[in-house]
Amino acid sequence: MNVKTVFLNGNLEEDVYMTQPEYFVDPKNANKVCKLQRSIYGLKQASRSWNKRFDEEVKKMNFIQSEKEPCVYKRFSGSVVVFLILYVDCCP
């Protein structure tokens, strides 16, 4: 899973509209807005969208989310236990 692509192209669960970017205003439709079909960087819904998509993909790989710590996943394979710990640094 390409994490950067998932973050930038996460699915939105609600309708989000934005004004046309300055550098790309359609002269024929200058007063119209754009409806986003995917999450974009900087959108407040982007982090939630990314986390939900990440959770879905990890669970497809048979990881189980910890009930006590939602950022910890585990998977059992025979006598091997694999832990996946999600850490997100939200501050650049």
PDB file of N, CA and C in Angstrom:
ATOM      1  N   MET A   1       0.851  -1.171   0.000  1.00  0.00           N
ATOM      2  CA  MET A   1       0.000   0.000   0.000  1.00  0.00           C
ATOM      3  C   MET A   1       0.897   1.235   0.000  1.00  0.00           C
ATOM      4  N   ASN A   2       0.669   2.140  -0.918  1.00  0.00           N
ATOM      5  CA  ASN A   2       1.428   3.383  -0.982  1.00  0.00           C
ATOM      6  C   ASN A   2       0.759   4.393  -0.053  1.00  0.00           C
ATOM      7  N   VAL A   3       1.370   4.640   1.108  1.00  0.00           N
ATOM      8  CA  VAL A   3       0.752   5.473   2.131  1.00  0.00           C
ATOM      9  C   VAL A   3       0.540   6.901   1.655  1.00  0.00           C
ATOM     10  N   LYS A   4       1.510   7.474   0.936  1.00  0.00           N
ATOM     11  CA  LYS A   4       1.342   8.847   0.452  1.00  0.00           C
ATOM     12  C   LYS A   4       0.151   8.947  -0.490  1.00  0.00           C
ATOM     13  N   THR A   5       0.016   7.999  -1.380  1.00  0.00           N
ATOM     14  CA  THR A   5      -1.095   8.014  -2.326  1.00  0.00           C
ATOM     15  C   THR A   5      -2.420   7.859  -1.601  1.00  0.00           C
ATOM     16  N   VAL A   6      -2.466   6.993  -0.617  1.00  0.00           N
ATOM     17  CA  VAL A   6      -3.701   6.809   0.146  1.00  0.00           C
ATOM     18  C   VAL A   6      -4.078   8.097   0.852  1.00  0.00           C
ATOM     19  N   PHE A   7      -3.103   8.779   1.440  1.00  0.00           N
ATOM     20  CA  PHE A   7      -3.400  10.021   2.154  1.00  0.00           C
ATOM     21  C   PHE A   7      -3.930  11.080   1.201  1.00  0.00           C
ATOM     22  N   LEU A   8      -3.293  11.201   0.048  1.00  0.00           N
ATOM     23  CA  LEU A   8      -3.685  12.246  -0.892  1.00  0.00           C
ATOM     24  C   LEU A   8      -4.935  11.905  -1.678  1.00  0.00           C
ATOM     25  N   ASN A   9      -5.284  10.653  -1.758  1.00  0.00           N
ATOM     26  CA  ASN A   9      -6.430  10.249  -2.566  1.00  0.00           C
ATOM     27  C   ASN A   9      -7.468   9.477  -1.763  1.00  0.00           C
ATOM     28  N   GLY A  10      -7.585   9.781  -0.500  1.00  0.00           N
ATOM     29  CA  GLY A  10      -8.555   9.087   0.332  1.00  0.00           C
ATOM     30  C   GLY A  10      -9.979   9.380  -0.097  1.00  0.00           C
ATOM     31  N   ASN A  11     -10.865   8.438   0.159  1.00  0.00           N
ATOM     32  CA  ASN A  11     -12.270   8.627  -0.174  1.00  0.00           C
ATOM     33  C   ASN A  11     -12.935   9.529   0.855  1.00  0.00           C
ATOM     34  N   LEU A  12     -13.853  10.358   0.396  1.00  0.00           N
ATOM     35  CA  LEU A  12     -14.598  11.236   1.288  1.00  0.00           C
ATOM     36  C   LEU A  12     -15.977  10.639   1.544  1.00  0.00           C
ATOM     37  N   GLU A  13     -16.453  10.758   2.765  1.00  0.00           N
ATOM     38  CA  GLU A  13     -17.775  10.245   3.102  1.00  0.00           C
ATOM     39  C   GLU A  13     -18.838  11.337   3.056  1.00  0.00           C
ATOM     40  N   GLU A  14     -18.440  12.543   2.810  1.00  0.00           N
ATOM     41  CA  GLU A  14     -19.385  13.660   2.771  1.00  0.00           C
ATOM     42  C   GLU A  14     -19.059  14.532   1.567  1.00  0.00           C
ATOM     43  N   ASP A  15     -20.000  15.371   1.190  1.00  0.00           N
ATOM     44  CA  ASP A  15     -19.770  16.286   0.075  1.00  0.00           C
ATOM     45  C   ASP A  15     -18.918  17.461   0.543  1.00  0.00           C
ATOM     46  N   VAL A  16     -17.821  17.717  -0.167  1.00  0.00           N
ATOM     47  CA  VAL A  16     -16.925  18.831   0.151  1.00  0.00           C
ATOM     48  C   VAL A  16     -16.746  19.659  -1.115  1.00  0.00           C
ATOM     49  N   TYR A  17     -16.953  20.965  -0.979  1.00  0.00           N
ATOM     50  CA  TYR A  17     -16.819  21.879  -2.109  1.00  0.00           C
ATOM     51  C   TYR A  17     -15.709  22.876  -1.821  1.00  0.00           C
ATOM     52  N   MET A  18     -15.066  23.356  -2.878  1.00  0.00           N
ATOM     53  CA  MET A  18     -14.019  24.367  -2.719  1.00  0.00           C
ATOM     54  C   MET A  18     -14.088  25.336  -3.895  1.00  0.00           C
ATOM     55  N   THR A  19     -13.560  26.525  -3.683  1.00  0.00           N
ATOM     56  CA  THR A  19     -13.489  27.479  -4.787  1.00  0.00           C
ATOM     57  C   THR A  19     -12.442  26.999  -5.781  1.00  0.00           C
ATOM     58  N   GLN A  20     -12.546  27.472  -6.997  1.00  0.00           N
ATOM     59  CA  GLN A  20     -11.573  27.082  -8.014  1.00  0.00           C
ATOM     60  C   GLN A  20     -10.205  27.655  -7.640  1.00  0.00           C
ATOM     61  N   PRO A  21      -9.142  26.866  -7.783  1.00  0.00           N
ATOM     62  CA  PRO A  21      -7.799  27.378  -7.482  1.00  0.00           C
ATOM     63  C   PRO A  21      -7.467  28.572  -8.381  1.00  0.00           C
ATOM     64  N   GLU A  22      -6.743  29.540  -7.842  1.00  0.00           N
ATOM     65  CA  GLU A  22      -6.389  30.760  -8.582  1.00  0.00           C
ATOM     66  C   GLU A  22      -5.773  30.462  -9.941  1.00  0.00           C
ATOM     67  N   TYR A  23      -4.912  29.488  -9.974  1.00  0.00           N
ATOM     68  CA  TYR A  23      -4.172  29.182 -11.193  1.00  0.00           C
ATOM     69  C   TYR A  23      -4.988  28.360 -12.198  1.00  0.00           C
ATOM     70  N   PHE A  24      -6.216  27.967 -11.812  1.00  0.00           N
ATOM     71  CA  PHE A  24      -7.025  27.159 -12.724  1.00  0.00           C
ATOM     72  C   PHE A  24      -8.492  27.564 -12.620  1.00  0.00           C
ATOM     73  N   VAL A  25      -8.796  28.774 -13.033  1.00  0.00           N
ATOM     74  CA  VAL A  25     -10.178  29.239 -13.047  1.00  0.00           C
ATOM     75  C   VAL A  25     -10.696  29.105 -14.470  1.00  0.00           C
ATOM     76  N   ASP A  26     -11.796  28.397 -14.603  1.00  0.00           N
ATOM     77  CA  ASP A  26     -12.428  28.234 -15.916  1.00  0.00           C
ATOM     78  C   ASP A  26     -13.179  29.526 -16.229  1.00  0.00           C
ATOM     79  N   PRO A  27     -12.739  30.298 -17.230  1.00  0.00           N
ATOM     80  CA  PRO A  27     -13.370  31.582 -17.541  1.00  0.00           C
ATOM     81  C   PRO A  27     -14.869  31.469 -17.829  1.00  0.00           C
ATOM     82  N   LYS A  28     -15.296  30.352 -18.382  1.00  0.00           N
ATOM     83  CA  LYS A  28     -16.719  30.168 -18.689  1.00  0.00           C
ATOM     84  C   LYS A  28     -17.547  29.890 -17.440  1.00  0.00           C
ATOM     85  N   ASN A  29     -16.884  29.408 -16.396  1.00  0.00           N
ATOM     86  CA  ASN A  29     -17.579  29.042 -15.153  1.00  0.00           C
ATOM     87  C   ASN A  29     -16.882  29.647 -13.940  1.00  0.00           C
ATOM     88  N   ALA A  30     -16.474  30.896 -14.042  1.00  0.00           N
ATOM     89  CA  ALA A  30     -15.676  31.539 -12.989  1.00  0.00           C
ATOM     90  C   ALA A  30     -16.398  31.620 -11.646  1.00  0.00           C
ATOM     91  N   ASN A  31     -17.712  31.637 -11.642  1.00  0.00           N
ATOM     92  CA  ASN A  31     -18.467  31.769 -10.390  1.00  0.00           C
ATOM     93  C   ASN A  31     -18.869  30.425  -9.788  1.00  0.00           C
ATOM     94  N   LYS A  32     -18.431  29.352 -10.381  1.00  0.00           N
ATOM     95  CA  LYS A  32     -18.792  28.026  -9.878  1.00  0.00           C
ATOM     96  C   LYS A  32     -17.712  27.496  -8.936  1.00  0.00           C
ATOM     97  N   VAL A  33     -18.099  26.496  -8.138  1.00  0.00           N
ATOM     98  CA  VAL A  33     -17.169  25.856  -7.208  1.00  0.00           C
ATOM     99  C   VAL A  33     -16.886  24.434  -7.681  1.00  0.00           C
ATOM    100  N   CYS A  34     -15.905  23.806  -7.057  1.00  0.00           N
ATOM    101  CA  CYS A  34     -15.530  22.432  -7.398  1.00  0.00           C
ATOM    102  C   CYS A  34     -16.009  21.492  -6.294  1.00  0.00           C
ATOM    103  N   LYS A  35     -16.547  20.351  -6.687  1.00  0.00           N
ATOM    104  CA  LYS A  35     -16.902  19.314  -5.724  1.00  0.00           C
ATOM    105  C   LYS A  35     -15.773  18.292  -5.720  1.00  0.00           C
ATOM    106  N   LEU A  36     -15.189  18.081  -4.550  1.00  0.00           N
ATOM    107  CA  LEU A  36     -14.075  17.134  -4.445  1.00  0.00           C
ATOM    108  C   LEU A  36     -14.590  15.703  -4.502  1.00  0.00           C
ATOM    109  N   GLN A  37     -13.888  14.885  -5.248  1.00  0.00           N
ATOM    110  CA  GLN A  37     -14.221  13.466  -5.313  1.00  0.00           C
ATOM    111  C   GLN A  37     -13.289  12.645  -4.437  1.00  0.00           C
ATOM    112  N   ARG A  38     -12.145  13.200  -4.106  1.00  0.00           N
ATOM    113  CA  ARG A  38     -11.155  12.546  -3.252  1.00  0.00           C
ATOM    114  C   ARG A  38     -10.614  13.571  -2.259  1.00  0.00           C
ATOM    115  N   SER A  39     -10.050  13.067  -1.188  1.00  0.00           N
ATOM    116  CA  SER A  39      -9.433  13.931  -0.194  1.00  0.00           C
ATOM    117  C   SER A  39      -8.167  14.564  -0.767  1.00  0.00           C
ATOM    118  N   ILE A  40      -7.878  15.775  -0.346  1.00  0.00           N
ATOM    119  CA  ILE A  40      -6.646  16.441  -0.767  1.00  0.00           C
ATOM    120  C   ILE A  40      -5.866  16.877   0.461  1.00  0.00           C
ATOM    121  N   TYR A  41      -4.554  17.048   0.283  1.00  0.00           N
ATOM    122  CA  TYR A  41      -3.676  17.446   1.382  1.00  0.00           C
ATOM    123  C   TYR A  41      -4.140  18.776   1.969  1.00  0.00           C
ATOM    124  N   GLY A  42      -4.203  18.874   3.266  1.00  0.00           N
ATOM    125  CA  GLY A  42      -4.600  20.099   3.933  1.00  0.00           C
ATOM    126  C   GLY A  42      -6.074  20.134   4.297  1.00  0.00           C
ATOM    127  N   LEU A  43      -6.853  19.238   3.752  1.00  0.00           N
ATOM    128  CA  LEU A  43      -8.276  19.168   4.058  1.00  0.00           C
ATOM    129  C   LEU A  43      -8.434  18.544   5.438  1.00  0.00           C
ATOM    130  N   LYS A  44      -9.276  19.126   6.284  1.00  0.00           N
ATOM    131  CA  LYS A  44      -9.370  18.607   7.649  1.00  0.00           C
ATOM    132  C   LYS A  44      -9.893  17.173   7.692  1.00  0.00           C
ATOM    133  N   GLN A  45     -10.638  16.757   6.681  1.00  0.00           N
ATOM    134  CA  GLN A  45     -11.135  15.385   6.630  1.00  0.00           C
ATOM    135  C   GLN A  45     -10.081  14.400   6.136  1.00  0.00           C
ATOM    136  N   ALA A  46      -8.955  14.888   5.630  1.00  0.00           N
ATOM    137  CA  ALA A  46      -7.946  14.021   5.017  1.00  0.00           C
ATOM    138  C   ALA A  46      -7.380  12.999   6.005  1.00  0.00           C
ATOM    139  N   SER A  47      -7.083  13.405   7.214  1.00  0.00           N
ATOM    140  CA  SER A  47      -6.493  12.486   8.196  1.00  0.00           C
ATOM    141  C   SER A  47      -7.447  11.359   8.556  1.00  0.00           C
ATOM    142  N   ARG A  48      -8.698  11.700   8.774  1.00  0.00           N
ATOM    143  CA  ARG A  48      -9.696  10.673   9.113  1.00  0.00           C
ATOM    144  C   ARG A  48      -9.897   9.714   7.947  1.00  0.00           C
ATOM    145  N   SER A  49      -9.962  10.273   6.761  1.00  0.00           N
ATOM    146  CA  SER A  49     -10.130   9.465   5.555  1.00  0.00           C
ATOM    147  C   SER A  49      -8.950   8.506   5.394  1.00  0.00           C
ATOM    148  N   TRP A  50      -7.734   9.012   5.612  1.00  0.00           N
ATOM    149  CA  TRP A  50      -6.533   8.189   5.505  1.00  0.00           C
ATOM    150  C   TRP A  50      -6.562   7.070   6.536  1.00  0.00           C
ATOM    151  N   ASN A  51      -6.910   7.416   7.785  1.00  0.00           N
ATOM    152  CA  ASN A  51      -6.906   6.426   8.855  1.00  0.00           C
ATOM    153  C   ASN A  51      -7.923   5.323   8.589  1.00  0.00           C
ATOM    154  N   LYS A  52      -9.085   5.697   8.115  1.00  0.00           N
ATOM    155  CA  LYS A  52     -10.111   4.695   7.829  1.00  0.00           C
ATOM    156  C   LYS A  52      -9.640   3.757   6.718  1.00  0.00           C
ATOM    157  N   ARG A  53      -9.056   4.311   5.681  1.00  0.00           N
ATOM    158  CA  ARG A  53      -8.572   3.495   4.560  1.00  0.00           C
ATOM    159  C   ARG A  53      -7.428   2.583   5.015  1.00  0.00           C
ATOM    160  N   PHE A  54      -6.523   3.120   5.819  1.00  0.00           N
ATOM    161  CA  PHE A  54      -5.416   2.320   6.356  1.00  0.00           C
ATOM    162  C   PHE A  54      -5.959   1.139   7.153  1.00  0.00           C
ATOM    163  N   ASP A  55      -6.917   1.413   8.033  1.00  0.00           N
ATOM    164  CA  ASP A  55      -7.520   0.382   8.873  1.00  0.00           C
ATOM    165  C   ASP A  55      -8.147  -0.723   8.015  1.00  0.00           C
ATOM    166  N   GLU A  56      -8.868  -0.336   6.978  1.00  0.00           N
ATOM    167  CA  GLU A  56      -9.497  -1.320   6.089  1.00  0.00           C
ATOM    168  C   GLU A  56      -8.455  -2.204   5.405  1.00  0.00           C
ATOM    169  N   GLU A  57      -7.388  -1.592   4.911  1.00  0.00           N
ATOM    170  CA  GLU A  57      -6.354  -2.348   4.193  1.00  0.00           C
ATOM    171  C   GLU A  57      -5.590  -3.296   5.118  1.00  0.00           C
ATOM    172  N   VAL A  58      -5.271  -2.829   6.313  1.00  0.00           N
ATOM    173  CA  VAL A  58      -4.529  -3.662   7.271  1.00  0.00           C
ATOM    174  C   VAL A  58      -5.376  -4.860   7.696  1.00  0.00           C
ATOM    175  N   LYS A  59      -6.660  -4.634   7.887  1.00  0.00           N
ATOM    176  CA  LYS A  59      -7.542  -5.736   8.281  1.00  0.00           C
ATOM    177  C   LYS A  59      -7.708  -6.754   7.154  1.00  0.00           C
ATOM    178  N   LYS A  60      -7.596  -6.317   5.904  1.00  0.00           N
ATOM    179  CA  LYS A  60      -7.626  -7.260   4.772  1.00  0.00           C
ATOM    180  C   LYS A  60      -6.424  -8.203   4.822  1.00  0.00           C
ATOM    181  N   MET A  61      -5.337  -7.757   5.466  1.00  0.00           N
ATOM    182  CA  MET A  61      -4.127  -8.575   5.600  1.00  0.00           C
ATOM    183  C   MET A  61      -4.149  -9.392   6.893  1.00  0.00           C
ATOM    184  N   ASN A  62      -5.344  -9.542   7.476  1.00  0.00           N
ATOM    185  CA  ASN A  62      -5.582 -10.364   8.674  1.00  0.00           C
ATOM    186  C   ASN A  62      -4.971  -9.806   9.952  1.00  0.00           C
ATOM    187  N   PHE A  63      -4.757  -8.507  10.019  1.00  0.00           N
ATOM    188  CA  PHE A  63      -4.332  -7.890  11.269  1.00  0.00           C
ATOM    189  C   PHE A  63      -5.574  -7.598  12.102  1.00  0.00           C
ATOM    190  N   ILE A  64      -5.425  -7.697  13.404  1.00  0.00           N
ATOM    191  CA  ILE A  64      -6.521  -7.431  14.338  1.00  0.00           C
ATOM    192  C   ILE A  64      -6.159  -6.185  15.131  1.00  0.00           C
ATOM    193  N   GLN A  65      -7.074  -5.238  15.190  1.00  0.00           N
ATOM    194  CA  GLN A  65      -6.822  -3.991  15.908  1.00  0.00           C
ATOM    195  C   GLN A  65      -6.976  -4.219  17.408  1.00  0.00           C
ATOM    196  N   SER A  66      -6.063  -3.674  18.183  1.00  0.00           N
ATOM    197  CA  SER A  66      -6.123  -3.781  19.634  1.00  0.00           C
ATOM    198  C   SER A  66      -7.332  -3.008  20.156  1.00  0.00           C
ATOM    199  N   GLU A  67      -8.054  -3.607  21.090  1.00  0.00           N
ATOM    200  CA  GLU A  67      -9.209  -2.924  21.683  1.00  0.00           C
ATOM    201  C   GLU A  67      -8.765  -1.799  22.610  1.00  0.00           C
ATOM    202  N   LYS A  68      -7.611  -1.954  23.231  1.00  0.00           N
ATOM    203  CA  LYS A  68      -7.138  -0.954  24.189  1.00  0.00           C
ATOM    204  C   LYS A  68      -6.339   0.163  23.543  1.00  0.00           C
ATOM    205  N   GLU A  69      -5.681  -0.140  22.438  1.00  0.00           N
ATOM    206  CA  GLU A  69      -4.842   0.861  21.759  1.00  0.00           C
ATOM    207  C   GLU A  69      -5.103   0.777  20.259  1.00  0.00           C
ATOM    208  N   PRO A  70      -5.925   1.691  19.709  1.00  0.00           N
ATOM    209  CA  PRO A  70      -6.331   1.593  18.303  1.00  0.00           C
ATOM    210  C   PRO A  70      -5.205   1.753  17.284  1.00  0.00           C
ATOM    211  N   CYS A  71      -4.031   2.185  17.705  1.00  0.00           N
ATOM    212  CA  CYS A  71      -2.897   2.323  16.776  1.00  0.00           C
ATOM    213  C   CYS A  71      -2.025   1.071  16.738  1.00  0.00           C
ATOM    214  N   VAL A  72      -2.435   0.027  17.442  1.00  0.00           N
ATOM    215  CA  VAL A  72      -1.674  -1.223  17.478  1.00  0.00           C
ATOM    216  C   VAL A  72      -2.511  -2.333  16.842  1.00  0.00           C
ATOM    217  N   TYR A  73      -1.879  -3.037  15.914  1.00  0.00           N
ATOM    218  CA  TYR A  73      -2.511  -4.170  15.235  1.00  0.00           C
ATOM    219  C   TYR A  73      -1.628  -5.390  15.447  1.00  0.00           C
ATOM    220  N   LYS A  74      -2.245  -6.570  15.477  1.00  0.00           N
ATOM    221  CA  LYS A  74      -1.454  -7.797  15.606  1.00  0.00           C
ATOM    222  C   LYS A  74      -2.008  -8.854  14.648  1.00  0.00           C
ATOM    223  N   ARG A  75      -1.110  -9.750  14.254  1.00  0.00           N
ATOM    224  CA  ARG A  75      -1.486 -10.847  13.363  1.00  0.00           C
ATOM    225  C   ARG A  75      -0.749 -12.096  13.812  1.00  0.00           C
ATOM    226  N   PHE A  76      -1.489 -13.193  13.840  1.00  0.00           N
ATOM    227  CA  PHE A  76      -0.916 -14.472  14.232  1.00  0.00           C
ATOM    228  C   PHE A  76      -0.729 -15.333  12.991  1.00  0.00           C
ATOM    229  N   SER A  77       0.437 -15.942  12.889  1.00  0.00           N
ATOM    230  CA  SER A  77       0.728 -16.849  11.779  1.00  0.00           C
ATOM    231  C   SER A  77       1.495 -18.033  12.356  1.00  0.00           C
ATOM    232  N   GLY A  78       0.766 -19.084  12.677  1.00  0.00           N
ATOM    233  CA  GLY A  78       1.392 -20.230  13.339  1.00  0.00           C
ATOM    234  C   GLY A  78       1.882 -19.821  14.714  1.00  0.00           C
ATOM    235  N   SER A  79       3.176 -20.000  14.962  1.00  0.00           N
ATOM    236  CA  SER A  79       3.740 -19.620  16.259  1.00  0.00           C
ATOM    237  C   SER A  79       4.315 -18.202  16.244  1.00  0.00           C
ATOM    238  N   VAL A  80       4.127 -17.493  15.130  1.00  0.00           N
ATOM    239  CA  VAL A  80       4.679 -16.143  14.987  1.00  0.00           C
ATOM    240  C   VAL A  80       3.576 -15.106  15.216  1.00  0.00           C
ATOM    241  N   VAL A  81       3.912 -14.090  15.998  1.00  0.00           N
ATOM    242  CA  VAL A  81       2.997 -12.964  16.210  1.00  0.00           C
ATOM    243  C   VAL A  81       3.660 -11.722  15.625  1.00  0.00           C
ATOM    244  N   VAL A  82       2.930 -11.027  14.783  1.00  0.00           N
ATOM    245  CA  VAL A  82       3.447  -9.808  14.161  1.00  0.00           C
ATOM    246  C   VAL A  82       2.669  -8.625  14.722  1.00  0.00           C
ATOM    247  N   PHE A  83       3.398  -7.623  15.208  1.00  0.00           N
ATOM    248  CA  PHE A  83       2.765  -6.401  15.688  1.00  0.00           C
ATOM    249  C   PHE A  83       3.020  -5.282  14.693  1.00  0.00           C
ATOM    250  N   LEU A  84       2.002  -4.527  14.400  1.00  0.00           N
ATOM    251  CA  LEU A  84       2.121  -3.354  13.542  1.00  0.00           C
ATOM    252  C   LEU A  84       1.687  -2.166  14.398  1.00  0.00           C
ATOM    253  N   ILE A  85       2.595  -1.232  14.591  1.00  0.00           N
ATOM    254  CA  ILE A  85       2.306  -0.070  15.430  1.00  0.00           C
ATOM    255  C   ILE A  85       2.316   1.161  14.545  1.00  0.00           C
ATOM    256  N   LEU A  86       1.209   1.859  14.529  1.00  0.00           N
ATOM    257  CA  LEU A  86       1.045   3.031  13.682  1.00  0.00           C
ATOM    258  C   LEU A  86       1.415   4.287  14.462  1.00  0.00           C
ATOM    259  N   TYR A  87       2.361   5.035  13.931  1.00  0.00           N
ATOM    260  CA  TYR A  87       2.747   6.314  14.518  1.00  0.00           C
ATOM    261  C   TYR A  87       2.660   7.374  13.434  1.00  0.00           C
ATOM    262  N   VAL A  88       1.922   8.430  13.699  1.00  0.00           N
ATOM    263  CA  VAL A  88       1.779   9.519  12.738  1.00  0.00           C
ATOM    264  C   VAL A  88       2.290  10.793  13.381  1.00  0.00           C
ATOM    265  N   ASP A  89       3.287  11.390  12.758  1.00  0.00           N
ATOM    266  CA  ASP A  89       3.819  12.667  13.226  1.00  0.00           C
ATOM    267  C   ASP A  89       3.068  13.764  12.492  1.00  0.00           C
ATOM    268  N   CYS A  90       2.148  14.399  13.176  1.00  0.00           N
ATOM    269  CA  CYS A  90       1.293  15.391  12.518  1.00  0.00           C
ATOM    270  C   CYS A  90       1.957  16.764  12.419  1.00  0.00           C
ATOM    271  N   CYS A  91       3.098  16.915  13.015  1.00  0.00           N
ATOM    272  CA  CYS A  91       3.769  18.222  12.993  1.00  0.00           C
ATOM    273  C   CYS A  91       5.014  18.149  12.106  1.00  0.00           C
ATOM    274  N   PRO A  92       5.057  18.989  11.056  1.00  0.00           N
ATOM    275  CA  PRO A  92       6.229  18.941  10.159  1.00  0.00           C
ATOM    276  C   PRO A  92       7.507  19.402  10.816  1.00  0.00           C
TER     277      PRO A  92
END
